[in-house]
Protein backbone atom coordinates (compact mmCIF):
# COMPACT_ATOMS: atom_id res chain seq x y z
CA MET A 1 -101.31 -229.99 53.50
CA GLU A 2 -100.35 -228.44 56.97
CA ARG A 3 -99.39 -225.32 54.94
CA ARG A 4 -103.06 -225.19 53.11
CA ASN A 5 -104.74 -225.29 56.64
CA VAL A 6 -102.78 -222.32 57.91
CA LEU A 7 -103.55 -220.31 54.92
CA ALA A 8 -106.79 -221.04 55.27
CA LEU A 9 -107.11 -220.07 59.01
CA SER A 10 -105.13 -217.50 58.25
CA CYS A 11 -107.75 -215.95 55.60
CA LEU A 12 -110.43 -216.84 58.32
CA ALA A 13 -109.17 -214.54 60.56
CA PHE A 14 -108.69 -211.43 58.32
CA LEU A 15 -112.52 -212.22 57.26
CA LEU A 16 -113.36 -211.83 61.02
CA ILE A 17 -111.07 -208.96 61.64
CA GLY A 18 -111.26 -209.36 65.68
CA VAL A 19 -115.01 -210.62 65.37
CA THR A 20 -116.53 -207.92 66.44
CA GLY A 21 -115.37 -205.45 63.97
CA PHE A 22 -116.71 -206.84 60.26
CA PRO A 23 -119.73 -205.30 58.52
CA GLN A 24 -122.85 -207.17 59.82
CA ASP A 25 -124.05 -207.19 56.04
CA LYS A 26 -120.95 -209.36 55.02
CA SER A 27 -120.60 -211.19 58.50
CA PRO A 28 -121.04 -214.97 57.70
CA TYR A 29 -122.64 -215.47 61.41
CA ARG A 30 -124.97 -213.44 63.50
CA ILE A 31 -125.51 -213.79 67.19
CA PHE A 32 -129.27 -213.97 68.85
CA SER A 33 -130.76 -214.49 71.97
CA LYS A 34 -132.86 -217.65 72.52
CA HIS A 35 -136.07 -215.48 71.14
CA GLY A 36 -134.41 -214.28 68.29
CA LYS A 37 -133.19 -210.90 69.25
CA ALA A 38 -129.98 -209.86 67.44
CA VAL A 39 -127.19 -209.59 70.13
CA ASP A 40 -123.40 -208.54 69.70
CA TYR A 41 -120.70 -210.96 70.33
CA GLU A 42 -119.40 -208.62 73.11
CA LYS A 43 -123.15 -209.33 75.21
CA MET A 44 -122.60 -213.37 74.42
CA VAL A 45 -118.71 -213.09 76.00
CA LYS A 46 -120.23 -211.08 79.15
CA ALA A 47 -123.18 -212.94 80.16
CA ALA A 48 -120.35 -216.14 79.77
CA ALA A 49 -118.47 -214.49 82.74
CA GLY A 50 -121.70 -214.94 85.00
CA ASN A 51 -122.03 -217.94 84.99
CA GLU A 52 -120.04 -221.43 86.43
CA VAL A 53 -120.58 -223.38 83.13
CA VAL A 54 -120.69 -222.66 79.02
CA LEU A 55 -121.85 -225.48 76.83
CA PHE A 56 -120.33 -224.34 73.36
CA GLY A 57 -122.24 -226.15 70.77
CA GLU A 58 -121.10 -226.51 67.35
CA HIS A 59 -121.00 -228.23 64.32
CA HIS A 60 -117.82 -230.30 64.33
CA ASP A 61 -117.16 -229.50 60.62
CA ASN A 62 -117.57 -225.45 60.57
CA SER A 63 -114.72 -223.26 59.96
CA ILE A 64 -116.19 -220.20 61.20
CA ILE A 65 -117.53 -221.84 64.56
CA HIS A 66 -113.83 -223.17 65.30
CA LEU A 67 -112.20 -219.58 64.93
CA LEU A 68 -115.04 -218.27 67.07
CA GLU A 69 -114.70 -220.82 70.03
CA LEU A 70 -110.71 -219.81 70.12
CA GLU A 71 -111.33 -216.08 70.16
CA PHE A 72 -114.41 -216.52 72.60
CA ALA A 73 -111.79 -218.39 74.73
CA LYS A 74 -109.31 -215.71 74.47
CA ASP A 75 -111.77 -213.01 75.09
CA LEU A 76 -113.29 -214.70 78.02
CA ALA A 77 -110.06 -215.72 79.68
CA ALA A 78 -109.44 -211.87 79.86
CA LYS A 79 -112.47 -211.50 82.17
CA LYS A 80 -112.62 -215.00 84.00
CA LYS A 81 -110.38 -217.82 85.04
CA LEU A 82 -111.21 -220.29 82.56
CA ILE A 83 -110.97 -224.36 82.45
CA MET A 84 -111.46 -225.77 79.38
CA GLY A 85 -112.88 -229.08 78.05
CA ALA A 86 -114.09 -230.95 75.23
CA GLU A 87 -115.90 -233.58 73.67
CA MET A 88 -113.67 -234.55 71.17
CA ILE A 89 -110.93 -236.02 73.87
CA GLU A 90 -112.03 -239.19 75.89
CA THR A 91 -111.43 -239.32 79.60
CA ASP A 92 -108.98 -242.57 79.37
CA ASN A 93 -106.59 -239.81 77.04
CA GLN A 94 -106.64 -237.50 80.27
CA PRO A 95 -103.21 -238.73 81.41
CA GLN A 96 -101.89 -238.08 77.80
CA LEU A 97 -103.33 -234.70 77.38
CA GLU A 98 -102.21 -233.31 80.73
CA ARG A 99 -98.14 -234.65 79.89
CA TYR A 100 -98.56 -232.79 76.60
CA LEU A 101 -99.97 -229.72 78.42
CA ARG A 102 -97.27 -229.61 80.79
CA GLY A 103 -94.84 -230.00 77.82
CA GLU A 104 -93.21 -233.58 78.73
CA ILE A 105 -94.78 -235.03 75.16
CA THR A 106 -94.75 -233.86 71.69
CA GLN A 107 -97.50 -233.13 69.53
CA LYS A 108 -96.36 -236.31 67.60
CA GLN A 109 -96.73 -238.09 70.74
CA LEU A 110 -99.70 -237.05 71.77
CA ASP A 111 -101.23 -237.75 67.91
CA SER A 112 -99.54 -241.74 68.89
CA THR A 113 -100.66 -242.23 72.15
CA ALA A 114 -104.32 -240.46 72.18
CA ARG A 115 -107.29 -241.21 70.02
CA LEU A 116 -107.60 -238.03 68.54
CA TRP A 117 -110.41 -236.73 66.37
CA SER A 118 -109.12 -236.63 62.42
CA ASN A 119 -109.85 -232.78 62.62
CA TYR A 120 -107.94 -232.56 65.60
CA LYS A 121 -104.73 -230.41 64.51
CA THR A 122 -106.81 -227.81 62.14
CA ASP A 123 -109.98 -227.86 64.90
CA TYR A 124 -109.01 -228.49 68.34
CA LYS A 125 -105.45 -227.96 68.46
CA PRO A 126 -105.67 -224.18 68.38
CA LEU A 127 -107.81 -224.32 71.68
CA VAL A 128 -105.51 -227.00 73.79
CA ASP A 129 -102.74 -225.18 72.56
CA PHE A 130 -104.32 -222.13 74.27
CA ALA A 131 -104.88 -223.79 77.05
CA LYS A 132 -100.94 -224.80 77.40
CA GLU A 133 -99.80 -221.40 76.86
CA LYS A 134 -101.83 -219.61 79.26
CA LYS A 135 -101.23 -222.98 81.99
CA LEU A 136 -104.96 -223.65 81.97
CA LYS A 137 -106.87 -226.96 82.73
CA PHE A 138 -107.49 -228.87 79.74
CA ILE A 139 -110.38 -231.81 80.60
CA ALA A 140 -111.07 -234.63 78.13
CA THR A 141 -114.93 -235.13 79.26
CA ASN A 142 -116.32 -237.78 76.55
CA VAL A 143 -116.74 -241.33 77.61
CA PRO A 144 -114.42 -243.75 75.63
CA ARG A 145 -116.39 -245.14 72.55
CA ARG A 146 -115.90 -248.52 73.37
CA TYR A 147 -118.51 -248.22 76.32
CA ALA A 148 -121.26 -246.16 74.16
CA SER A 149 -120.42 -248.78 71.41
CA MET A 150 -121.00 -251.88 74.22
CA VAL A 151 -124.62 -250.00 75.31
CA TYR A 152 -125.66 -249.32 71.57
CA LYS A 153 -125.28 -253.12 71.06
CA ASN A 154 -126.48 -254.26 74.75
CA GLY A 155 -127.96 -251.54 76.57
CA PHE A 156 -126.43 -249.97 79.70
CA GLU A 157 -126.35 -253.57 81.61
CA ALA A 158 -123.29 -254.33 79.63
CA LEU A 159 -121.68 -251.67 81.65
CA GLN A 160 -122.19 -253.39 85.00
CA ASN A 161 -119.89 -256.03 84.72
CA LEU A 162 -116.83 -253.35 83.42
CA PRO A 163 -114.04 -254.26 86.21
CA SER A 164 -113.93 -250.80 88.48
CA GLU A 165 -111.02 -248.84 86.74
CA GLU A 166 -112.59 -248.98 83.65
CA GLN A 167 -116.25 -248.07 85.29
CA ALA A 168 -113.94 -244.88 86.60
CA MET A 169 -114.11 -243.55 83.32
CA MET A 170 -117.42 -242.64 83.57
CA PRO A 171 -120.25 -241.79 86.30
CA PRO A 172 -121.12 -243.66 88.73
CA LEU A 173 -123.45 -247.03 87.72
CA PRO A 174 -126.75 -247.15 86.89
CA ILE A 175 -126.73 -244.22 84.58
CA ALA A 176 -130.00 -242.19 84.86
CA TYR A 177 -131.99 -242.11 81.81
CA ASP A 178 -134.84 -240.53 80.71
CA LYS A 179 -136.36 -241.73 76.89
CA ASN A 180 -138.47 -239.25 76.97
CA LEU A 181 -135.94 -236.45 76.63
CA PRO A 182 -136.72 -234.21 73.35
CA GLY A 183 -133.28 -234.89 71.90
CA TYR A 184 -133.53 -238.63 72.18
CA VAL A 185 -136.97 -238.36 70.88
CA ARG A 186 -135.64 -236.33 67.92
CA MET A 187 -132.51 -238.84 67.81
CA VAL A 188 -135.16 -241.61 67.09
CA GLU A 189 -137.53 -240.32 64.92
CA GLU A 190 -134.43 -239.17 62.36
CA MET A 191 -133.04 -242.53 62.46
CA GLY A 192 -136.67 -243.79 61.73
CA GLY A 193 -136.65 -246.52 64.37
CA HIS A 194 -133.16 -247.72 63.44
CA GLY A 195 -130.57 -248.73 66.44
CA GLY A 196 -133.85 -249.08 68.20
CA ASP A 197 -134.12 -248.34 71.79
CA ASN A 198 -130.44 -248.69 72.60
CA LEU A 199 -129.06 -245.86 70.25
CA PRO A 200 -130.42 -243.38 72.54
CA LYS A 201 -129.23 -244.83 75.48
CA ALA A 202 -125.45 -244.63 74.13
CA GLN A 203 -125.88 -240.83 73.27
CA ALA A 204 -127.23 -240.61 76.82
CA LEU A 205 -124.12 -242.11 78.40
CA LYS A 206 -121.95 -239.59 76.56
CA ASP A 207 -124.14 -236.68 77.79
CA ALA A 208 -124.21 -238.29 81.36
CA THR A 209 -119.98 -238.31 81.06
CA MET A 210 -119.69 -235.32 79.93
CA ALA A 211 -121.80 -233.58 82.17
CA TRP A 212 -119.70 -235.50 85.35
CA SER A 213 -116.60 -234.76 83.89
CA ILE A 214 -117.40 -231.13 83.95
CA ILE A 215 -118.88 -231.37 87.36
CA ILE A 216 -115.99 -233.15 88.85
CA ASN A 217 -113.39 -230.58 87.49
CA MET A 218 -115.05 -227.19 87.75
CA SER A 219 -114.14 -224.56 90.36
CA ILE A 220 -115.68 -221.84 92.00
CA ASP A 221 -113.36 -219.32 90.88
CA ALA A 222 -113.25 -220.62 87.22
CA VAL A 223 -115.86 -220.93 84.37
CA PHE A 224 -115.73 -224.13 82.95
CA VAL A 225 -115.84 -223.71 78.96
CA HIS A 226 -117.42 -226.97 77.11
CA TYR A 227 -117.01 -227.70 73.45
CA ASN A 228 -119.66 -230.14 72.20
CA GLY A 229 -121.48 -230.99 68.99
CA THR A 230 -124.43 -228.83 69.24
CA TYR A 231 -127.09 -231.61 69.52
CA HIS A 232 -125.43 -232.51 72.97
CA SER A 233 -126.62 -229.20 74.40
CA ASP A 234 -129.48 -228.08 72.30
CA ASN A 235 -132.70 -227.04 74.00
CA PHE A 236 -131.32 -227.15 77.37
CA ASP A 237 -131.06 -231.15 76.74
CA GLY A 238 -128.01 -233.62 76.78
CA ILE A 239 -125.46 -232.13 79.17
CA TYR A 240 -127.49 -229.36 80.43
CA TRP A 241 -130.14 -231.77 81.84
CA TYR A 242 -127.42 -234.13 83.38
CA MET A 243 -125.76 -231.55 84.91
CA LYS A 244 -128.82 -229.95 86.67
CA LYS A 245 -130.21 -232.72 87.66
CA GLU A 246 -126.91 -233.24 89.67
CA ARG A 247 -126.85 -229.79 90.94
CA PRO A 248 -130.18 -228.21 90.13
CA ASN A 249 -128.44 -224.91 91.02
CA ILE A 250 -125.70 -224.67 88.80
CA LYS A 251 -125.25 -221.81 86.79
CA ILE A 252 -125.14 -222.89 82.79
CA LEU A 253 -124.92 -220.67 79.60
CA THR A 254 -125.45 -222.55 76.49
CA ILE A 255 -124.76 -221.49 73.11
CA ALA A 256 -126.08 -223.19 70.27
CA THR A 257 -124.87 -222.97 66.46
CA VAL A 258 -127.43 -223.24 63.21
CA SER A 259 -127.01 -223.16 59.92
CA GLN A 260 -129.34 -220.93 57.69
CA HIS A 261 -129.21 -219.60 54.34
CA ASP A 262 -130.38 -216.34 55.17
CA ILE A 263 -128.48 -215.20 58.64
CA SER A 264 -130.56 -211.87 58.81
CA THR A 265 -133.05 -213.58 61.13
CA LEU A 266 -132.97 -216.46 63.35
CA GLU A 267 -135.78 -218.83 61.93
CA LYS A 268 -138.82 -220.04 64.05
CA ASP A 269 -137.40 -223.47 64.54
CA ASN A 270 -134.08 -222.41 65.78
CA HIS A 271 -135.95 -220.00 68.51
CA ASN A 272 -135.28 -221.48 72.20
CA LYS A 273 -132.09 -224.09 71.19
CA ALA A 274 -130.44 -222.04 73.70
CA ASP A 275 -129.20 -218.80 75.66
CA PHE A 276 -127.14 -217.73 72.14
CA ILE A 277 -127.63 -219.15 68.77
CA ILE A 278 -125.20 -218.43 66.33
CA VAL A 279 -126.14 -218.23 63.17
CA ILE A 280 -123.56 -219.52 60.36
CA ASP A 281 -124.15 -218.84 56.60
CA GLU A 282 -124.88 -222.04 54.71
CA ASP A 283 -122.42 -221.39 52.33
CA VAL A 284 -119.35 -221.12 54.66
CA THR A 285 -116.46 -223.70 53.97
CA LYS A 286 -116.57 -227.01 56.13
CA THR A 287 -113.40 -228.51 57.21
CA TYR A 288 -113.84 -231.94 56.05
């Protein structure tokens, strides 16, 4: 299995040839501005270097976007100091992550002591290992899933009686919440009302915790690049909303990922999802 994964990534690397050199008519992706104008990869990297935070929205199972995330980190790191972070690791696993970054534990030990996603080794380990190689901070930003589950079952009130050491894994209570934010409204609509009022609250806890984790770990001399499911930052919502609520003047660049059958133009429904929208051919191989 490991060998097949390495081979698959090698083939992708060959396919993209330095990301920017592949012929546009054969490329499995294109990049657009929020208004639908085609732009090149270098413009996106240059724009990112001028911001304090980049919210890089991904499709978790997309092989192309995972390679682009790594190349983006490498190219941006050549221009600016980076701090990296991701939804895919939860705040209570930060100590284990830091021990791995310092070389104090092996990947096998990290696997056994932290809750890692099933696709961690193929899709997120390369990002963490890049941070390790370059001695960059990598922040576990997401709320431990047990607390999101508590909110889903019993609302935000379920968090009030947690001991202080557990409350320290999330933003100060009470959690700000606006049920009318488009992302939360859409979530309720797509679920047909299943999950009730607490479903978007659980999502909001994740968004708020990721925003809080970024803010308390960012630095004035670095760009914080955060990797998250694109729905957590699409339409300048979710994480973006929480960060702007806490720091209105913070400079944030957002990147969204969408899939289309035809990638030559950006479909109208995908306009204004982010500052830059990466359109992936819907036939691209999924990693799981």
